[in-house]
C-alpha atoms as a PDB file:
ATOM      1  CA  MET A   1     -53.989  60.525 130.660  1.00  0.00           C
ATOM      2  CA  THR A   2     -51.296  62.948 129.521  1.00  0.00           C
ATOM      3  CA  THR A   3     -50.481  64.581 126.096  1.00  0.00           C
ATOM      4  CA  ASP A   4     -47.626  66.380 124.523  1.00  0.00           C
ATOM      5  CA  ALA A   5     -49.919  68.720 122.606  1.00  0.00           C
ATOM      6  CA  PRO A   6     -53.383  70.251 123.323  1.00  0.00           C
ATOM      7  CA  ALA A   7     -56.283  67.877 122.653  1.00  0.00           C
ATOM      8  CA  LEU A   8     -59.766  69.244 122.681  1.00  0.00           C
ATOM      9  CA  PHE A   9     -63.089  67.447 123.395  1.00  0.00           C
ATOM     10  CA  VAL A  10     -61.352  64.180 124.294  1.00  0.00           C
ATOM     11  CA  THR A  11     -63.911  61.382 124.842  1.00  0.00           C
ATOM     12  CA  ALA A  12     -63.416  57.893 126.274  1.00  0.00           C
ATOM     13  CA  THR A  13     -65.618  55.083 125.117  1.00  0.00           C
ATOM     14  CA  VAL A  14     -65.891  51.347 125.816  1.00  0.00           C
ATOM     15  CA  ASP A  15     -68.197  48.554 124.597  1.00  0.00           C
ATOM     16  CA  LEU A  16     -69.066  47.635 128.129  1.00  0.00           C
ATOM     17  CA  PRO A  17     -71.997  48.555 130.430  1.00  0.00           C
ATOM     18  CA  GLY A  18     -70.934  51.472 132.485  1.00  0.00           C
ATOM     19  CA  TYR A  19     -69.819  55.113 132.411  1.00  0.00           C
ATOM     20  CA  PHE A  20     -66.735  57.395 132.988  1.00  0.00           C
ATOM     21  CA  SER A  21     -66.485  59.909 135.752  1.00  0.00           C
ATOM     22  CA  ASP A  22     -65.885  62.614 133.149  1.00  0.00           C
ATOM     23  CA  ASN A  23     -65.828  62.820 129.392  1.00  0.00           C
ATOM     24  CA  ALA A  24     -65.319  65.458 126.635  1.00  0.00           C
ATOM     25  CA  ILE A  25     -62.413  66.949 128.368  1.00  0.00           C
ATOM     26  CA  THR A  26     -59.495  69.193 127.258  1.00  0.00           C
ATOM     27  CA  LEU A  27     -56.048  67.755 127.733  1.00  0.00           C
ATOM     28  CA  LEU A  28     -53.079  70.117 127.967  1.00  0.00           C
ATOM     29  CA  PRO A  29     -49.380  69.429 128.050  1.00  0.00           C
ATOM     30  CA  GLY A  30     -47.958  69.074 131.559  1.00  0.00           C
ATOM     31  CA  ARG A  31     -51.302  68.265 133.145  1.00  0.00           C
ATOM     32  CA  THR A  32     -52.616  64.850 134.067  1.00  0.00           C
ATOM     33  CA  ALA A  33     -56.271  63.796 133.647  1.00  0.00           C
ATOM     34  CA  LYS A  34     -57.743  60.787 135.525  1.00  0.00           C
ATOM     35  CA  LEU A  35     -60.956  59.089 134.648  1.00  0.00           C
ATOM     36  CA  ARG A  36     -62.790  56.525 136.814  1.00  0.00           C
ATOM     37  CA  PHE A  37     -64.943  53.900 135.137  1.00  0.00           C
ATOM     38  CA  THR A  38     -68.058  52.598 137.002  1.00  0.00           C
ATOM     39  CA  ALA A  39     -69.649  49.367 135.801  1.00  0.00           C
ATOM     40  CA  ARG A  40     -73.422  49.266 135.710  1.00  0.00           C
ATOM     41  CA  HIS A  41     -75.732  46.778 137.241  1.00  0.00           C
ATOM     42  CA  GLY A  42     -73.106  45.345 139.598  1.00  0.00           C
ATOM     43  CA  ASN A  43     -71.019  44.008 136.731  1.00  0.00           C
ATOM     44  CA  LYS A  44     -67.377  43.137 137.403  1.00  0.00           C
ATOM     45  CA  ILE A  45     -65.146  44.221 134.674  1.00  0.00           C
ATOM     46  CA  SER A  46     -61.426  43.470 134.723  1.00  0.00           C
ATOM     47  CA  ALA A  47     -58.771  46.134 134.002  1.00  0.00           C
ATOM     48  CA  LYS A  48     -57.591  43.981 131.084  1.00  0.00           C
ATOM     49  CA  LYS A  49     -61.126  43.799 129.598  1.00  0.00           C
ATOM     50  CA  LEU A  50     -61.581  47.588 130.099  1.00  0.00           C
ATOM     51  CA  ALA A  51     -58.182  48.453 128.482  1.00  0.00           C
ATOM     52  CA  SER A  52     -58.868  46.292 125.507  1.00  0.00           C
ATOM     53  CA  SER A  53     -62.217  47.916 124.800  1.00  0.00           C
ATOM     54  CA  LEU A  54     -61.112  51.503 125.479  1.00  0.00           C
ATOM     55  CA  LYS A  55     -61.148  54.020 122.677  1.00  0.00           C
ATOM     56  CA  LEU A  56     -59.980  57.595 123.051  1.00  0.00           C
ATOM     57  CA  ARG A  57     -60.916  60.205 120.424  1.00  0.00           C
ATOM     58  CA  ASN A  58     -60.584  63.941 120.161  1.00  0.00           C
ATOM     59  CA  LEU A  59     -62.062  66.844 118.118  1.00  0.00           C
ATOM     60  CA  ALA A  60     -59.156  66.922 115.586  1.00  0.00           C
ATOM     61  CA  GLU A  61     -60.129  63.313 114.509  1.00  0.00           C
ATOM     62  CA  THR A  62     -63.541  64.582 113.304  1.00  0.00           C
ATOM     63  CA  PHE A  63     -62.116  66.725 110.454  1.00  0.00           C
END
């Protein structure tokens, strides 16, 4: 992930069984953040299904 403006408390969520390698991160311009998704219980989840379910939110959206 990249950004052109600071983004605080960025969270990634999906409606799939699994978890991300990190969450609630700060994104800053000029820096790249990578998250890895691990499916639970041996599920096989395609990249297409993951992308269609992915939601990114940040602290500014809560005001």
